[in-house]
């Protein structure tokens, strides 16, 4: 998941402590985790007051393959579009 696409000015309220904060004020972290013998990348952030963990996404190897394919396709489309002018 491309976390930078999340709106930085998004107002957040912690479910645990009710603290209000903006997404731009927290660090979005990555961690390697294993679930059912499968390695995944966990993308998350924590509440700056109580440290409650909020999962943004879990990505497996297939996700990264598809993301790479998408980027290649976007480049190919841009190249083809530029050659039309």
Protein backbone atom coordinates (compact mmCIF):
# COMPACT_ATOMS: atom_id res chain seq x y z
CA UNK A 1 0.00 0.00 0.00
CA UNK A 2 1.26 3.41 -0.87
CA UNK A 3 0.80 5.11 2.46
CA UNK A 4 1.78 8.55 1.18
CA UNK A 5 -1.56 8.59 -0.66
CA UNK A 6 -3.34 8.86 2.67
CA UNK A 7 -4.40 12.42 3.35
CA UNK A 8 -1.88 13.96 5.74
CA UNK A 9 -4.52 16.26 7.21
CA UNK A 10 -6.72 13.33 8.20
CA UNK A 11 -7.99 13.81 11.74
CA UNK A 12 -7.74 10.69 13.87
CA UNK A 13 -9.39 9.77 17.17
CA UNK A 14 -7.92 6.93 19.18
CA UNK A 15 -10.46 4.23 20.00
CA UNK A 16 -8.64 3.51 23.25
CA UNK A 17 -7.88 6.87 24.87
CA UNK A 18 -9.97 9.21 22.63
CA UNK A 19 -6.89 11.33 21.90
CA UNK A 20 -7.29 13.48 18.76
CA UNK A 21 -4.32 13.74 16.39
CA UNK A 22 -3.52 14.24 12.73
CA UNK A 23 -2.12 11.43 10.63
CA UNK A 24 0.78 13.67 9.55
CA UNK A 25 1.99 13.80 13.16
CA UNK A 26 2.62 10.04 13.50
CA UNK A 27 5.24 7.79 11.99
CA UNK A 28 3.86 5.15 9.67
CA UNK A 29 5.96 2.06 10.26
CA UNK A 30 6.66 -1.25 8.50
CA UNK A 31 7.30 -4.54 10.26
CA UNK A 32 7.88 -8.05 8.98
CA UNK A 33 5.46 -10.52 10.57
CA UNK A 34 4.69 -14.19 10.08
CA UNK A 35 1.10 -15.41 9.88
CA UNK A 36 0.30 -19.07 9.15
CA UNK A 37 3.92 -19.62 8.04
CA UNK A 38 3.67 -16.77 5.54
CA UNK A 39 5.90 -13.68 5.75
CA UNK A 40 3.93 -10.46 5.49
CA UNK A 41 4.74 -6.76 5.69
CA UNK A 42 2.59 -5.00 8.27
CA UNK A 43 2.10 -1.28 7.75
CA UNK A 44 0.86 0.49 10.87
CA UNK A 45 0.91 3.55 13.10
CA UNK A 46 0.33 4.03 16.80
CA UNK A 47 -1.56 6.56 18.86
CA UNK A 48 0.97 9.15 20.10
CA UNK A 49 -0.63 9.18 23.56
CA UNK A 50 -1.40 5.55 24.48
CA UNK A 51 0.52 3.65 21.73
CA UNK A 52 -2.53 1.67 20.53
CA UNK A 53 -1.50 0.01 17.26
CA UNK A 54 -3.57 0.68 14.12
CA UNK A 55 -2.99 -1.67 11.18
CA UNK A 56 -3.08 0.01 7.78
CA UNK A 57 -2.39 -3.09 5.69
CA UNK A 58 -0.76 -6.49 5.43
CA UNK A 59 1.13 -7.16 2.21
CA UNK A 60 2.41 -10.50 0.96
CA UNK A 61 4.90 -11.27 -1.83
CA UNK A 62 2.09 -11.30 -4.40
CA UNK A 63 1.16 -7.74 -3.45
CA UNK A 64 4.68 -6.54 -4.25
CA UNK A 65 4.65 -8.42 -7.58
CA UNK A 66 1.35 -6.81 -8.56
CA UNK A 67 2.57 -3.38 -7.48
CA UNK A 68 5.67 -3.77 -9.65
CA UNK A 69 3.52 -4.87 -12.60
CA UNK A 70 1.28 -1.84 -12.09
CA UNK A 71 4.25 0.54 -12.11
CA UNK A 72 5.59 -1.03 -15.32
CA UNK A 73 2.18 -0.70 -16.96
CA UNK A 74 1.89 2.95 -15.92
CA UNK A 75 5.33 3.68 -17.41
CA UNK A 76 4.39 1.91 -20.64
CA UNK A 77 1.16 3.92 -20.90
CA UNK A 78 3.03 7.19 -20.28
CA UNK A 79 5.61 6.27 -22.92
CA UNK A 80 2.91 5.39 -25.46
CA UNK A 81 0.94 8.52 -24.66
CA UNK A 82 4.01 10.76 -25.14
CA UNK A 83 4.79 9.18 -28.51
CA UNK A 84 1.32 10.19 -29.77
CA UNK A 85 2.26 13.88 -29.66
